[in-house]
PDB file of N, CA and C in Angstrom:
ATOM      1  N   MET A   1     141.222-107.336-102.197  1.00  0.00           N
ATOM      2  CA  MET A   1     141.510-107.600-100.809  1.00  0.00           C
ATOM      3  C   MET A   1     140.351-108.408-100.222  1.00  0.00           C
ATOM      4  N   PHE A   2     140.680-109.427 -99.483  1.00  0.00           N
ATOM      5  CA  PHE A   2     139.671-110.288 -98.870  1.00  0.00           C
ATOM      6  C   PHE A   2     139.914-110.349 -97.368  1.00  0.00           C
ATOM      7  N   ASN A   3     138.884-110.059 -96.606  1.00  0.00           N
ATOM      8  CA  ASN A   3     138.972-110.147 -95.148  1.00  0.00           C
ATOM      9  C   ASN A   3     137.947-111.154 -94.642  1.00  0.00           C
ATOM     10  N   SER A   4     138.262-111.763 -93.524  1.00  0.00           N
ATOM     11  CA  SER A   4     137.324-112.686 -92.889  1.00  0.00           C
ATOM     12  C   SER A   4     137.515-112.588 -91.381  1.00  0.00           C
ATOM     13  N   TYR A   5     136.443-112.290 -90.686  1.00  0.00           N
ATOM     14  CA  TYR A   5     136.500-112.134 -89.235  1.00  0.00           C
ATOM     15  C   TYR A   5     136.155-113.473 -88.599  1.00  0.00           C
ATOM     16  N   GLU A   6     137.187-114.250 -88.324  1.00  0.00           N
ATOM     17  CA  GLU A   6     137.003-115.623 -87.846  1.00  0.00           C
ATOM     18  C   GLU A   6     136.667-115.715 -86.356  1.00  0.00           C
ATOM     19  N   LYS A   7     136.704-114.583 -85.633  1.00  0.00           N
ATOM     20  CA  LYS A   7     136.387-114.608 -84.202  1.00  0.00           C
ATOM     21  C   LYS A   7     134.899-114.412 -83.925  1.00  0.00           C
ATOM     22  N   ALA A   8     134.084-114.407 -84.955  1.00  0.00           N
ATOM     23  CA  ALA A   8     132.652-114.137 -84.796  1.00  0.00           C
ATOM     24  C   ALA A   8     131.996-115.101 -83.818  1.00  0.00           C
ATOM     25  N   GLU A   9     132.262-116.379 -83.974  1.00  0.00           N
ATOM     26  CA  GLU A   9     131.625-117.372 -83.101  1.00  0.00           C
ATOM     27  C   GLU A   9     132.055-117.176 -81.651  1.00  0.00           C
ATOM     28  N   ASP A  10     133.332-116.917 -81.422  1.00  0.00           N
ATOM     29  CA  ASP A  10     133.823-116.672 -80.064  1.00  0.00           C
ATOM     30  C   ASP A  10     133.196-115.420 -79.458  1.00  0.00           C
ATOM     31  N   ASP A  11     133.079-114.361 -80.270  1.00  0.00           N
ATOM     32  CA  ASP A  11     132.472-113.123 -79.779  1.00  0.00           C
ATOM     33  C   ASP A  11     131.008-113.331 -79.403  1.00  0.00           C
ATOM     34  N   LEU A  12     130.272-114.018 -80.248  1.00  0.00           N
ATOM     35  CA  LEU A  12     128.855-114.274 -79.958  1.00  0.00           C
ATOM     36  C   LEU A  12     128.702-115.092 -78.683  1.00  0.00           C
ATOM     37  N   GLU A  13     129.546-116.084 -78.537  1.00  0.00           N
ATOM     38  CA  GLU A  13     129.500-116.928 -77.342  1.00  0.00           C
ATOM     39  C   GLU A  13     129.857-116.126 -76.094  1.00  0.00           C
ATOM     40  N   HIS A  14     130.881-115.291 -76.195  1.00  0.00           N
ATOM     41  CA  HIS A  14     131.326-114.476 -75.058  1.00  0.00           C
ATOM     42  C   HIS A  14     130.202-113.574 -74.539  1.00  0.00           C
ATOM     43  N   PHE A  15     129.455-112.975 -75.443  1.00  0.00           N
ATOM     44  CA  PHE A  15     128.386-112.057 -75.060  1.00  0.00           C
ATOM     45  C   PHE A  15     127.028-112.749 -74.911  1.00  0.00           C
ATOM     46  N   GLY A  16     127.009-114.063 -75.035  1.00  0.00           N
ATOM     47  CA  GLY A  16     125.776-114.818 -74.838  1.00  0.00           C
ATOM     48  C   GLY A  16     124.721-114.584 -75.902  1.00  0.00           C
ATOM     49  N   GLN A  17     125.150-114.306 -77.113  1.00  0.00           N
ATOM     50  CA  GLN A  17     124.218-114.029 -78.197  1.00  0.00           C
ATOM     51  C   GLN A  17     123.928-115.294 -78.998  1.00  0.00           C
ATOM     52  N   LYS A  18     122.673-115.537 -79.257  1.00  0.00           N
ATOM     53  CA  LYS A  18     122.241-116.644 -80.114  1.00  0.00           C
ATOM     54  C   LYS A  18     121.674-116.027 -81.384  1.00  0.00           C
ATOM     55  N   VAL A  19     122.303-116.319 -82.496  1.00  0.00           N
ATOM     56  CA  VAL A  19     121.857-115.725 -83.759  1.00  0.00           C
ATOM     57  C   VAL A  19     121.134-116.754 -84.605  1.00  0.00           C
ATOM     58  N   ARG A  20     120.181-116.269 -85.387  1.00  0.00           N
ATOM     59  CA  ARG A  20     119.448-117.126 -86.314  1.00  0.00           C
ATOM     60  C   ARG A  20     119.114-116.276 -87.538  1.00  0.00           C
ATOM     61  N   SER A  21     119.153-116.925 -88.677  1.00  0.00           N
ATOM     62  CA  SER A  21     118.750-116.286 -89.914  1.00  0.00           C
ATOM     63  C   SER A  21     118.005-117.325 -90.731  1.00  0.00           C
ATOM     64  N   MET A  22     116.788-117.021 -91.063  1.00  0.00           N
ATOM     65  CA  MET A  22     115.937-117.934 -91.829  1.00  0.00           C
ATOM     66  C   MET A  22     115.876-119.314 -91.166  1.00  0.00           C
ATOM     67  N   GLY A  23     115.856-119.297 -89.840  1.00  0.00           N
ATOM     68  CA  GLY A  23     115.723-120.530 -89.083  1.00  0.00           C
ATOM     69  C   GLY A  23     117.023-121.287 -88.846  1.00  0.00           C
ATOM     70  N   ARG A  24     118.129-120.751 -89.360  1.00  0.00           N
ATOM     71  CA  ARG A  24     119.412-121.439 -89.200  1.00  0.00           C
ATOM     72  C   ARG A  24     120.282-120.699 -88.201  1.00  0.00           C
ATOM     73  N   GLY A  25     120.937-121.467 -87.343  1.00  0.00           N
ATOM     74  CA  GLY A  25     121.859-120.896 -86.370  1.00  0.00           C
ATOM     75  C   GLY A  25     123.265-120.830 -86.932  1.00  0.00           C
ATOM     76  N   PHE A  26     124.183-120.412 -86.086  1.00  0.00           N
ATOM     77  CA  PHE A  26     125.569-120.239 -86.514  1.00  0.00           C
ATOM     78  C   PHE A  26     126.149-121.521 -87.104  1.00  0.00           C
ATOM     79  N   GLU A  27     125.941-122.628 -86.442  1.00  0.00           N
ATOM     80  CA  GLU A  27     126.525-123.895 -86.915  1.00  0.00           C
ATOM     81  C   GLU A  27     125.980-124.329 -88.276  1.00  0.00           C
ATOM     82  N   GLU A  28     124.712-124.020 -88.554  1.00  0.00           N
ATOM     83  CA  GLU A  28     124.115-124.424 -89.830  1.00  0.00           C
ATOM     84  C   GLU A  28     124.499-123.503 -90.991  1.00  0.00           C
ATOM     85  N   ASP A  29     124.942-122.289 -90.683  1.00  0.00           N
ATOM     86  CA  ASP A  29     125.239-121.322 -91.749  1.00  0.00           C
ATOM     87  C   ASP A  29     126.425-120.441 -91.365  1.00  0.00           C
ATOM     88  N   LYS A  30     127.540-121.093 -91.026  1.00  0.00           N
ATOM     89  CA  LYS A  30     128.738-120.372 -90.588  1.00  0.00           C
ATOM     90  C   LYS A  30     129.186-119.316 -91.586  1.00  0.00           C
ATOM     91  N   GLU A  31     129.196-119.656 -92.860  1.00  0.00           N
ATOM     92  CA  GLU A  31     129.685-118.725 -93.877  1.00  0.00           C
ATOM     93  C   GLU A  31     128.904-117.419 -93.863  1.00  0.00           C
ATOM     94  N   PHE A  32     127.581-117.509 -93.734  1.00  0.00           N
ATOM     95  CA  PHE A  32     126.753-116.307 -93.696  1.00  0.00           C
ATOM     96  C   PHE A  32     127.099-115.445 -92.492  1.00  0.00           C
ATOM     97  N   PHE A  33     127.163-116.046 -91.322  1.00  0.00           N
ATOM     98  CA  PHE A  33     127.401-115.273 -90.103  1.00  0.00           C
ATOM     99  C   PHE A  33     128.826-114.727 -90.045  1.00  0.00           C
ATOM    100  N   ILE A  34     129.786-115.453 -90.568  1.00  0.00           N
ATOM    101  CA  ILE A  34     131.150-114.928 -90.623  1.00  0.00           C
ATOM    102  C   ILE A  34     131.219-113.753 -91.604  1.00  0.00           C
ATOM    103  N   ALA A  35     130.548-113.871 -92.738  1.00  0.00           N
ATOM    104  CA  ALA A  35     130.522-112.771 -93.703  1.00  0.00           C
ATOM    105  C   ALA A  35     129.859-111.531 -93.105  1.00  0.00           C
ATOM    106  N   ALA A  36     128.730-111.708 -92.442  1.00  0.00           N
ATOM    107  CA  ALA A  36     128.037-110.574 -91.823  1.00  0.00           C
ATOM    108  C   ALA A  36     128.897-109.944 -90.733  1.00  0.00           C
ATOM    109  N   SER A  37     129.574-110.762 -89.953  1.00  0.00           N
ATOM    110  CA  SER A  37     130.448-110.255 -88.894  1.00  0.00           C
ATOM    111  C   SER A  37     131.651-109.517 -89.466  1.00  0.00           C
ATOM    112  N   THR A  38     132.160-110.014 -90.586  1.00  0.00           N
ATOM    113  CA  THR A  38     133.298-109.357 -91.229  1.00  0.00           C
ATOM    114  C   THR A  38     132.910-107.963 -91.698  1.00  0.00           C
ATOM    115  N   VAL A  39     131.751-107.846 -92.318  1.00  0.00           N
ATOM    116  CA  VAL A  39     131.276-106.534 -92.775  1.00  0.00           C
ATOM    117  C   VAL A  39     131.087-105.599 -91.576  1.00  0.00           C
ATOM    118  N   ALA A  40     130.470-106.089 -90.517  1.00  0.00           N
ATOM    119  CA  ALA A  40     130.258-105.264 -89.331  1.00  0.00           C
ATOM    120  C   ALA A  40     131.585-104.797 -88.743  1.00  0.00           C
ATOM    121  N   LYS A  41     132.571-105.687 -88.670  1.00  0.00           N
ATOM    122  CA  LYS A  41     133.894-105.327 -88.137  1.00  0.00           C
ATOM    123  C   LYS A  41     134.564-104.288 -89.010  1.00  0.00           C
ATOM    124  N   GLU A  42     134.488-104.449 -90.326  1.00  0.00           N
ATOM    125  CA  GLU A  42     135.095-103.480 -91.237  1.00  0.00           C
ATOM    126  C   GLU A  42     134.440-102.103 -91.083  1.00  0.00           C
ATOM    127  N   ILE A  43     133.125-102.055 -90.958  1.00  0.00           N
ATOM    128  CA  ILE A  43     132.421-100.780 -90.776  1.00  0.00           C
ATOM    129  C   ILE A  43     132.820-100.135 -89.464  1.00  0.00           C
ATOM    130  N   CYS A  44     132.877-100.925 -88.392  1.00  0.00           N
ATOM    131  CA  CYS A  44     133.284-100.384 -87.082  1.00  0.00           C
ATOM    132  C   CYS A  44     134.700 -99.831 -87.135  1.00  0.00           C
ATOM    133  N   ASP A  45     135.608-100.563 -87.756  1.00  0.00           N
ATOM    134  CA  ASP A  45     136.991-100.093 -87.885  1.00  0.00           C
ATOM    135  C   ASP A  45     137.052 -98.807 -88.695  1.00  0.00           C
ATOM    136  N   PHE A  46     136.290 -98.735 -89.780  1.00  0.00           N
ATOM    137  CA  PHE A  46     136.256 -97.534 -90.609  1.00  0.00           C
ATOM    138  C   PHE A  46     135.756 -96.337 -89.816  1.00  0.00           C
ATOM    139  N   ILE A  47     134.655 -96.519 -89.100  1.00  0.00           N
ATOM    140  CA  ILE A  47     134.090 -95.427 -88.307  1.00  0.00           C
ATOM    141  C   ILE A  47     135.076 -94.983 -87.231  1.00  0.00           C
ATOM    142  N   LYS A  48     135.686 -95.944 -86.561  1.00  0.00           N
ATOM    143  CA  LYS A  48     136.650 -95.621 -85.517  1.00  0.00           C
ATOM    144  C   LYS A  48     137.813 -94.798 -86.094  1.00  0.00           C
ATOM    145  N   ASN A  49     138.312 -95.192 -87.244  1.00  0.00           N
ATOM    146  CA  ASN A  49     139.407 -94.460 -87.890  1.00  0.00           C
ATOM    147  C   ASN A  49     138.979 -93.079 -88.334  1.00  0.00           C
ATOM    148  N   GLU A  50     137.758 -92.936 -88.809  1.00  0.00           N
ATOM    149  CA  GLU A  50     137.263 -91.642 -89.249  1.00  0.00           C
ATOM    150  C   GLU A  50     137.116 -90.680 -88.072  1.00  0.00           C
ATOM    151  N   ILE A  51     136.717 -91.180 -86.919  1.00  0.00           N
ATOM    152  CA  ILE A  51     136.528 -90.339 -85.745  1.00  0.00           C
ATOM    153  C   ILE A  51     137.880 -89.892 -85.190  1.00  0.00           C
ATOM    154  N   ILE A  52     138.867 -90.762 -85.239  1.00  0.00           N
ATOM    155  CA  ILE A  52     140.194 -90.452 -84.697  1.00  0.00           C
ATOM    156  C   ILE A  52     140.885 -89.379 -85.523  1.00  0.00           C
ATOM    157  N   TYR A  53     140.729 -89.424 -86.847  1.00  0.00           N
ATOM    158  CA  TYR A  53     141.435 -88.472 -87.706  1.00  0.00           C
ATOM    159  C   TYR A  53     140.650 -87.227 -87.849  1.00  0.00           C
TER     160      TYR A  53
END
């Protein structure tokens, strides 16, 4: 199963967050930031589901 959270850039912009990793911003390393956001979203969804049940 492969997931990708493509709303990462919109979410960061909405909350006024500027991200950098090793000197690169979102535009220079989209794949990294989308991957990190996907993992974070999956963890949040998992935790939310665990709390509900």
